[in-house]
């Protein structure tokens, strides 16, 4: 896998994880993370534990966004095709979002969601293929004029 492709996929993954962190931040603070914070802060009130858990999740959300932008800009820098980077980042974001929705939150994704995600992926692939087809004749023309 080319470095630009790997960076684009990682950018999409961190974008999805940032959204997961945001959803957990505004939700009820419960589960394994809240229990770990409770063990780290024995004797703290329930309100203090909830605030500490939310602060930790908000920090994780911010870190995921920083990593998303870091990998996205690296992908753009290493690639000669911005639409290809956008396509890979978006598709990996949708895939990671689907996995997190199903396995972390127990959501069921409707047929409409899958159809919409598929249409977006197909549209991005179509735009990417048209961009590549347009670029090839331009390169041939440039060689002929030299």
N, C-alpha and C. Protein backbone atom coordinates (compact mmCIF):
# COMPACT_ATOMS: atom_id res chain seq x y z
N UNK A 1 0.85 -1.17 0.00
CA UNK A 1 0.00 0.00 0.00
C UNK A 1 0.90 1.24 0.00
N UNK A 2 0.58 2.18 -0.85
CA UNK A 2 1.36 3.41 -0.94
C UNK A 2 1.22 4.22 0.35
N UNK A 3 2.25 4.97 0.72
CA UNK A 3 2.17 5.76 1.95
C UNK A 3 0.97 6.71 1.96
N UNK A 4 0.67 7.33 0.82
CA UNK A 4 -0.46 8.26 0.79
C UNK A 4 -1.77 7.54 1.08
N UNK A 5 -1.91 6.32 0.58
CA UNK A 5 -3.13 5.54 0.82
C UNK A 5 -3.24 5.16 2.29
N UNK A 6 -2.14 4.72 2.88
CA UNK A 6 -2.14 4.36 4.29
C UNK A 6 -2.49 5.57 5.16
N UNK A 7 -1.89 6.72 4.86
CA UNK A 7 -2.18 7.93 5.63
C UNK A 7 -3.64 8.35 5.47
N UNK A 8 -4.20 8.20 4.27
CA UNK A 8 -5.60 8.57 4.05
C UNK A 8 -6.53 7.66 4.84
N UNK A 9 -6.24 6.37 4.86
CA UNK A 9 -7.06 5.42 5.62
C UNK A 9 -6.96 5.72 7.12
N UNK A 10 -5.76 6.01 7.60
CA UNK A 10 -5.59 6.36 9.02
C UNK A 10 -6.33 7.65 9.36
N UNK A 11 -6.33 8.61 8.45
CA UNK A 11 -7.08 9.85 8.68
C UNK A 11 -8.56 9.56 8.83
N UNK A 12 -9.10 8.69 7.99
CA UNK A 12 -10.51 8.32 8.10
C UNK A 12 -10.81 7.60 9.39
N UNK A 13 -9.90 6.72 9.80
CA UNK A 13 -10.08 5.98 11.05
C UNK A 13 -10.10 6.94 12.25
N UNK A 14 -9.15 7.87 12.29
CA UNK A 14 -9.11 8.81 13.41
C UNK A 14 -10.29 9.78 13.39
N UNK A 15 -10.80 10.10 12.21
CA UNK A 15 -12.00 10.94 12.13
C UNK A 15 -13.18 10.22 12.77
N UNK A 16 -13.32 8.94 12.47
CA UNK A 16 -14.41 8.16 13.06
C UNK A 16 -14.22 8.02 14.57
N UNK A 17 -12.99 7.77 15.01
CA UNK A 17 -12.74 7.64 16.45
C UNK A 17 -12.98 8.95 17.19
N UNK A 18 -12.70 10.07 16.53
CA UNK A 18 -13.01 11.37 17.13
C UNK A 18 -14.51 11.53 17.35
N UNK A 19 -15.29 11.07 16.40
CA UNK A 19 -16.75 11.13 16.55
C UNK A 19 -17.23 10.21 17.67
N UNK A 20 -16.61 9.05 17.78
CA UNK A 20 -16.96 8.12 18.86
C UNK A 20 -16.65 8.78 20.21
N UNK A 21 -15.48 9.39 20.32
CA UNK A 21 -15.12 10.08 21.56
C UNK A 21 -16.10 11.19 21.90
N UNK A 22 -16.53 11.94 20.90
CA UNK A 22 -17.49 13.02 21.15
C UNK A 22 -18.83 12.47 21.62
N UNK A 23 -19.27 11.38 21.00
CA UNK A 23 -20.54 10.77 21.41
C UNK A 23 -20.45 10.26 22.85
N UNK A 24 -19.33 9.66 23.20
CA UNK A 24 -19.15 9.17 24.57
C UNK A 24 -19.02 10.33 25.56
N UNK A 25 -18.43 11.44 25.13
CA UNK A 25 -18.24 12.59 26.02
C UNK A 25 -19.58 13.16 26.47
N UNK A 26 -20.53 13.27 25.55
CA UNK A 26 -21.81 13.89 25.91
C UNK A 26 -22.81 12.89 26.45
N UNK A 27 -22.49 11.59 26.37
CA UNK A 27 -23.38 10.56 26.90
C UNK A 27 -23.20 10.39 28.40
N UNK A 28 -23.89 9.40 28.94
CA UNK A 28 -23.75 9.11 30.36
C UNK A 28 -22.41 8.45 30.61
N UNK A 29 -21.65 8.94 31.60
CA UNK A 29 -20.33 8.36 31.88
C UNK A 29 -20.46 7.03 32.62
N UNK A 30 -20.43 5.95 31.87
CA UNK A 30 -20.51 4.62 32.48
C UNK A 30 -19.67 3.67 31.65
N UNK A 31 -19.48 2.49 32.14
CA UNK A 31 -18.70 1.51 31.40
C UNK A 31 -17.30 1.36 31.95
N UNK A 32 -16.46 0.65 31.20
CA UNK A 32 -15.10 0.34 31.67
C UNK A 32 -14.24 1.58 31.91
N UNK A 33 -14.39 2.60 31.08
CA UNK A 33 -13.58 3.81 31.28
C UNK A 33 -13.97 4.51 32.57
N UNK A 34 -15.25 4.64 32.83
CA UNK A 34 -15.71 5.28 34.06
C UNK A 34 -15.25 4.48 35.29
N UNK A 35 -15.26 3.16 35.17
CA UNK A 35 -14.79 2.32 36.28
C UNK A 35 -13.29 2.50 36.50
N UNK A 36 -12.53 2.61 35.43
CA UNK A 36 -11.08 2.83 35.55
C UNK A 36 -10.79 4.18 36.19
N UNK A 37 -11.54 5.20 35.81
CA UNK A 37 -11.36 6.52 36.42
C UNK A 37 -11.73 6.45 37.90
N UNK A 38 -12.77 5.70 38.24
CA UNK A 38 -13.17 5.52 39.63
C UNK A 38 -12.09 4.84 40.46
N UNK A 39 -11.40 3.85 39.86
CA UNK A 39 -10.31 3.19 40.57
C UNK A 39 -9.11 4.12 40.72
N UNK A 40 -8.90 4.99 39.72
CA UNK A 40 -7.76 5.91 39.78
C UNK A 40 -8.01 7.04 40.78
N UNK A 41 -9.27 7.36 41.02
CA UNK A 41 -9.63 8.44 41.95
C UNK A 41 -10.53 7.90 43.06
N UNK A 42 -9.98 7.07 43.95
CA UNK A 42 -10.83 6.50 45.00
C UNK A 42 -11.33 7.59 45.94
N UNK A 43 -12.56 7.45 46.36
CA UNK A 43 -13.14 8.41 47.29
C UNK A 43 -13.71 9.65 46.62
N UNK A 44 -13.60 9.77 45.32
CA UNK A 44 -14.15 10.93 44.62
C UNK A 44 -15.66 10.77 44.49
N UNK A 45 -16.35 11.90 44.48
CA UNK A 45 -17.81 11.86 44.34
C UNK A 45 -18.19 11.42 42.92
N UNK A 46 -19.43 11.01 42.77
CA UNK A 46 -19.92 10.58 41.46
C UNK A 46 -19.84 11.72 40.45
N UNK A 47 -20.10 12.93 40.91
CA UNK A 47 -20.05 14.10 40.02
C UNK A 47 -18.61 14.36 39.57
N UNK A 48 -17.65 14.22 40.48
CA UNK A 48 -16.24 14.42 40.12
C UNK A 48 -15.76 13.34 39.16
N UNK A 49 -16.20 12.10 39.39
CA UNK A 49 -15.83 11.01 38.48
C UNK A 49 -16.40 11.24 37.08
N UNK A 50 -17.65 11.70 37.03
CA UNK A 50 -18.27 11.97 35.73
C UNK A 50 -17.52 13.09 35.01
N UNK A 51 -17.14 14.13 35.75
CA UNK A 51 -16.40 15.24 35.14
C UNK A 51 -15.03 14.79 34.65
N UNK A 52 -14.36 13.96 35.45
CA UNK A 52 -13.03 13.47 35.05
C UNK A 52 -13.13 12.57 33.82
N UNK A 53 -14.15 11.73 33.79
CA UNK A 53 -14.35 10.85 32.63
C UNK A 53 -14.63 11.67 31.38
N UNK A 54 -15.49 12.68 31.52
CA UNK A 54 -15.80 13.54 30.36
C UNK A 54 -14.56 14.31 29.90
N UNK A 55 -13.77 14.78 30.83
CA UNK A 55 -12.55 15.51 30.45
C UNK A 55 -11.58 14.59 29.71
N UNK A 56 -11.46 13.36 30.18
CA UNK A 56 -10.59 12.39 29.51
C UNK A 56 -11.10 12.09 28.10
N UNK A 57 -12.40 11.89 27.96
CA UNK A 57 -12.98 11.61 26.64
C UNK A 57 -12.86 12.81 25.71
N UNK A 58 -13.06 14.01 26.24
CA UNK A 58 -12.92 15.22 25.40
C UNK A 58 -11.47 15.37 24.93
N UNK A 59 -10.52 15.06 25.81
CA UNK A 59 -9.11 15.11 25.41
C UNK A 59 -8.81 14.07 24.34
N UNK A 60 -9.38 12.88 24.48
CA UNK A 60 -9.18 11.84 23.46
C UNK A 60 -9.79 12.27 22.13
N UNK A 61 -10.93 12.93 22.17
CA UNK A 61 -11.56 13.44 20.95
C UNK A 61 -10.66 14.45 20.27
N UNK A 62 -10.11 15.36 21.06
CA UNK A 62 -9.18 16.35 20.50
C UNK A 62 -7.95 15.70 19.91
N UNK A 63 -7.41 14.70 20.61
CA UNK A 63 -6.22 14.00 20.09
C UNK A 63 -6.54 13.28 18.78
N UNK A 64 -7.71 12.65 18.71
CA UNK A 64 -8.10 11.98 17.46
C UNK A 64 -8.21 12.98 16.31
N UNK A 65 -8.74 14.16 16.58
CA UNK A 65 -8.84 15.18 15.53
C UNK A 65 -7.47 15.67 15.09
N UNK A 66 -6.56 15.82 16.04
CA UNK A 66 -5.19 16.22 15.68
C UNK A 66 -4.55 15.16 14.80
N UNK A 67 -4.69 13.88 15.18
CA UNK A 67 -4.12 12.80 14.37
C UNK A 67 -4.79 12.70 13.00
N UNK A 68 -6.10 12.94 12.97
CA UNK A 68 -6.80 12.91 11.68
C UNK A 68 -6.21 13.95 10.74
N UNK A 69 -6.03 15.19 11.20
CA UNK A 69 -5.46 16.24 10.35
C UNK A 69 -4.01 15.95 10.01
N UNK A 70 -3.27 15.41 10.94
CA UNK A 70 -1.87 15.06 10.69
C UNK A 70 -1.76 14.05 9.55
N UNK A 71 -2.53 12.96 9.65
CA UNK A 71 -2.47 11.93 8.61
C UNK A 71 -3.08 12.41 7.30
N UNK A 72 -4.11 13.24 7.36
CA UNK A 72 -4.72 13.75 6.14
C UNK A 72 -3.73 14.64 5.37
N UNK A 73 -3.04 15.53 6.08
CA UNK A 73 -2.07 16.39 5.39
C UNK A 73 -0.88 15.58 4.88
N UNK A 74 -0.47 14.55 5.63
CA UNK A 74 0.61 13.68 5.13
C UNK A 74 0.16 12.95 3.87
N UNK A 75 -1.07 12.49 3.85
CA UNK A 75 -1.59 11.80 2.66
C UNK A 75 -1.59 12.74 1.46
N UNK A 76 -2.03 13.98 1.68
CA UNK A 76 -2.04 14.95 0.58
C UNK A 76 -0.62 15.24 0.10
N UNK A 77 0.31 15.34 1.02
CA UNK A 77 1.69 15.66 0.66
C UNK A 77 2.34 14.53 -0.14
N UNK A 78 2.01 13.28 0.20
CA UNK A 78 2.63 12.13 -0.46
C UNK A 78 1.89 11.68 -1.72
N UNK A 79 0.75 12.27 -2.00
CA UNK A 79 -0.05 11.83 -3.14
C UNK A 79 -0.03 12.86 -4.25
N UNK A 80 -0.21 12.38 -5.46
CA UNK A 80 -0.33 13.30 -6.58
C UNK A 80 -1.80 13.49 -6.97
N UNK A 81 -2.72 12.91 -6.19
CA UNK A 81 -4.14 12.98 -6.50
C UNK A 81 -4.94 13.30 -5.24
N UNK A 82 -5.38 14.54 -5.12
CA UNK A 82 -6.21 14.94 -3.98
C UNK A 82 -7.53 14.17 -3.95
N UNK A 83 -8.22 13.99 -5.09
CA UNK A 83 -9.48 13.22 -5.03
C UNK A 83 -9.29 11.79 -4.53
N UNK A 84 -8.17 11.18 -4.86
CA UNK A 84 -7.92 9.81 -4.38
C UNK A 84 -7.78 9.80 -2.86
N UNK A 85 -7.07 10.76 -2.31
CA UNK A 85 -6.93 10.86 -0.86
C UNK A 85 -8.29 11.09 -0.22
N UNK A 86 -9.08 12.00 -0.80
CA UNK A 86 -10.41 12.29 -0.26
C UNK A 86 -11.29 11.03 -0.28
N UNK A 87 -11.22 10.28 -1.38
CA UNK A 87 -12.03 9.08 -1.50
C UNK A 87 -11.65 8.06 -0.43
N UNK A 88 -10.37 7.78 -0.29
CA UNK A 88 -9.93 6.79 0.69
C UNK A 88 -10.25 7.23 2.11
N UNK A 89 -10.07 8.50 2.40
CA UNK A 89 -10.35 9.01 3.74
C UNK A 89 -11.84 8.90 4.06
N UNK A 90 -12.67 9.28 3.11
CA UNK A 90 -14.12 9.25 3.33
C UNK A 90 -14.63 7.82 3.46
N UNK A 91 -14.19 6.94 2.59
CA UNK A 91 -14.65 5.55 2.64
C UNK A 91 -14.19 4.87 3.93
N UNK A 92 -12.94 5.11 4.34
CA UNK A 92 -12.48 4.50 5.59
C UNK A 92 -13.21 5.09 6.80
N UNK A 93 -13.57 6.36 6.73
CA UNK A 93 -14.35 6.99 7.79
C UNK A 93 -15.72 6.33 7.89
N UNK A 94 -16.39 6.15 6.76
CA UNK A 94 -17.70 5.50 6.76
C UNK A 94 -17.61 4.07 7.29
N UNK A 95 -16.60 3.34 6.85
CA UNK A 95 -16.46 1.94 7.29
C UNK A 95 -16.21 1.87 8.80
N UNK A 96 -15.31 2.71 9.30
CA UNK A 96 -15.01 2.71 10.73
C UNK A 96 -16.22 3.18 11.53
N UNK A 97 -16.96 4.14 11.00
CA UNK A 97 -18.17 4.60 11.68
C UNK A 97 -19.19 3.47 11.77
N UNK A 98 -19.34 2.72 10.70
CA UNK A 98 -20.29 1.59 10.72
C UNK A 98 -19.88 0.56 11.76
N UNK A 99 -18.61 0.20 11.78
CA UNK A 99 -18.12 -0.81 12.74
C UNK A 99 -18.33 -0.32 14.17
N UNK A 100 -17.96 0.93 14.44
CA UNK A 100 -18.13 1.48 15.79
C UNK A 100 -19.60 1.57 16.18
N UNK A 101 -20.45 1.97 15.25
CA UNK A 101 -21.88 2.08 15.54
C UNK A 101 -22.47 0.73 15.93
N UNK A 102 -22.08 -0.28 15.20
CA UNK A 102 -22.64 -1.61 15.44
C UNK A 102 -22.07 -2.23 16.71
N UNK A 103 -20.74 -2.22 16.85
CA UNK A 103 -20.11 -2.97 17.94
C UNK A 103 -19.95 -2.20 19.24
N UNK A 104 -19.80 -0.88 19.18
CA UNK A 104 -19.65 -0.12 20.43
C UNK A 104 -20.98 0.37 20.97
N UNK A 105 -21.89 0.76 20.08
CA UNK A 105 -23.13 1.37 20.53
C UNK A 105 -24.35 0.48 20.31
N UNK A 106 -24.17 -0.65 19.64
CA UNK A 106 -25.29 -1.55 19.41
C UNK A 106 -26.33 -1.00 18.44
N UNK A 107 -25.94 -0.05 17.61
CA UNK A 107 -26.87 0.52 16.65
C UNK A 107 -27.13 -0.46 15.52
N UNK A 108 -28.28 -0.33 14.93
CA UNK A 108 -28.56 -1.06 13.69
C UNK A 108 -28.62 -0.02 12.59
N UNK A 109 -27.84 -0.24 11.56
CA UNK A 109 -27.79 0.72 10.46
C UNK A 109 -28.82 0.31 9.41
N UNK A 110 -29.63 1.28 9.04
CA UNK A 110 -30.73 1.01 8.12
C UNK A 110 -30.22 0.78 6.70
N UNK A 111 -31.09 0.23 5.90
CA UNK A 111 -30.78 0.05 4.48
C UNK A 111 -30.52 1.40 3.83
N UNK A 112 -31.23 2.42 4.28
CA UNK A 112 -31.02 3.77 3.75
C UNK A 112 -29.60 4.25 4.05
N UNK A 113 -29.09 3.97 5.25
CA UNK A 113 -27.72 4.37 5.59
C UNK A 113 -26.73 3.68 4.67
N UNK A 114 -26.90 2.35 4.50
CA UNK A 114 -25.98 1.60 3.64
C UNK A 114 -26.07 2.07 2.20
N UNK A 115 -27.28 2.36 1.73
CA UNK A 115 -27.44 2.85 0.36
C UNK A 115 -26.77 4.21 0.19
N UNK A 116 -26.95 5.09 1.16
CA UNK A 116 -26.31 6.40 1.09
C UNK A 116 -24.80 6.31 1.12
N UNK A 117 -24.28 5.48 2.02
CA UNK A 117 -22.82 5.31 2.10
C UNK A 117 -22.28 4.72 0.81
N UNK A 118 -23.00 3.78 0.23
CA UNK A 118 -22.56 3.17 -1.03
C UNK A 118 -22.59 4.18 -2.17
N UNK A 119 -23.62 5.02 -2.22
CA UNK A 119 -23.69 6.04 -3.27
C UNK A 119 -22.56 7.06 -3.13
N UNK A 120 -22.26 7.44 -1.90
CA UNK A 120 -21.15 8.38 -1.69
C UNK A 120 -19.84 7.75 -2.13
N UNK A 121 -19.60 6.50 -1.75
CA UNK A 121 -18.37 5.82 -2.15
C UNK A 121 -18.29 5.67 -3.67
N UNK A 122 -19.41 5.30 -4.29
CA UNK A 122 -19.42 5.16 -5.75
C UNK A 122 -19.18 6.50 -6.44
N UNK A 123 -19.78 7.56 -5.92
CA UNK A 123 -19.57 8.89 -6.49
C UNK A 123 -18.12 9.34 -6.37
N UNK A 124 -17.52 9.08 -5.21
CA UNK A 124 -16.12 9.43 -5.04
C UNK A 124 -15.22 8.62 -5.97
N UNK A 125 -15.53 7.35 -6.13
CA UNK A 125 -14.75 6.51 -7.05
C UNK A 125 -14.91 7.00 -8.49
N UNK A 126 -16.11 7.40 -8.85
CA UNK A 126 -16.36 7.92 -10.20
C UNK A 126 -15.59 9.21 -10.43
N UNK A 127 -15.64 10.11 -9.46
CA UNK A 127 -14.88 11.36 -9.58
C UNK A 127 -13.39 11.08 -9.69
N UNK A 128 -12.91 10.13 -8.92
CA UNK A 128 -11.49 9.78 -8.95
C UNK A 128 -11.10 9.19 -10.30
N UNK A 129 -11.94 8.33 -10.86
CA UNK A 129 -11.61 7.72 -12.15
C UNK A 129 -11.66 8.76 -13.27
N UNK A 130 -12.59 9.70 -13.21
CA UNK A 130 -12.65 10.76 -14.23
C UNK A 130 -11.44 11.67 -14.12
N UNK A 131 -11.00 11.93 -12.93
CA UNK A 131 -9.81 12.78 -12.73
C UNK A 131 -8.60 12.11 -13.35
N UNK A 132 -8.47 10.80 -13.15
CA UNK A 132 -7.34 10.06 -13.71
C UNK A 132 -7.40 10.02 -15.22
N UNK A 133 -8.60 9.88 -15.79
CA UNK A 133 -8.75 9.83 -17.24
C UNK A 133 -8.43 11.18 -17.86
N UNK A 134 -8.80 12.27 -17.17
CA UNK A 134 -8.51 13.61 -17.68
C UNK A 134 -7.03 13.92 -17.60
N UNK A 135 -6.35 13.41 -16.59
CA UNK A 135 -4.94 13.74 -16.38
C UNK A 135 -4.05 13.06 -17.41
N UNK A 136 -4.42 11.86 -17.85
CA UNK A 136 -3.57 11.13 -18.79
C UNK A 136 -3.41 11.84 -20.12
N UNK A 137 -4.50 12.31 -20.78
CA UNK A 137 -4.31 13.02 -22.04
C UNK A 137 -3.52 14.31 -21.87
N UNK A 138 -3.69 14.98 -20.75
CA UNK A 138 -2.93 16.21 -20.52
C UNK A 138 -1.45 15.91 -20.45
N UNK A 139 -1.08 14.80 -19.83
CA UNK A 139 0.33 14.42 -19.74
C UNK A 139 0.87 14.07 -21.12
N UNK A 140 0.07 13.37 -21.93
CA UNK A 140 0.50 13.03 -23.29
C UNK A 140 0.68 14.29 -24.13
N UNK A 141 -0.21 15.25 -23.98
CA UNK A 141 -0.12 16.50 -24.73
C UNK A 141 1.13 17.26 -24.33
N UNK A 142 1.44 17.26 -23.05
CA UNK A 142 2.63 17.97 -22.57
C UNK A 142 3.89 17.34 -23.16
N UNK A 143 3.93 16.02 -23.26
CA UNK A 143 5.10 15.34 -23.83
C UNK A 143 5.25 15.66 -25.31
N UNK A 144 4.11 15.76 -26.04
CA UNK A 144 4.16 16.01 -27.47
C UNK A 144 4.63 17.42 -27.79
N UNK A 145 4.37 18.37 -26.90
CA UNK A 145 4.75 19.75 -27.16
C UNK A 145 6.19 20.03 -26.83
N UNK A 146 6.85 19.11 -26.16
CA UNK A 146 8.25 19.35 -25.77
C UNK A 146 9.21 19.04 -26.86
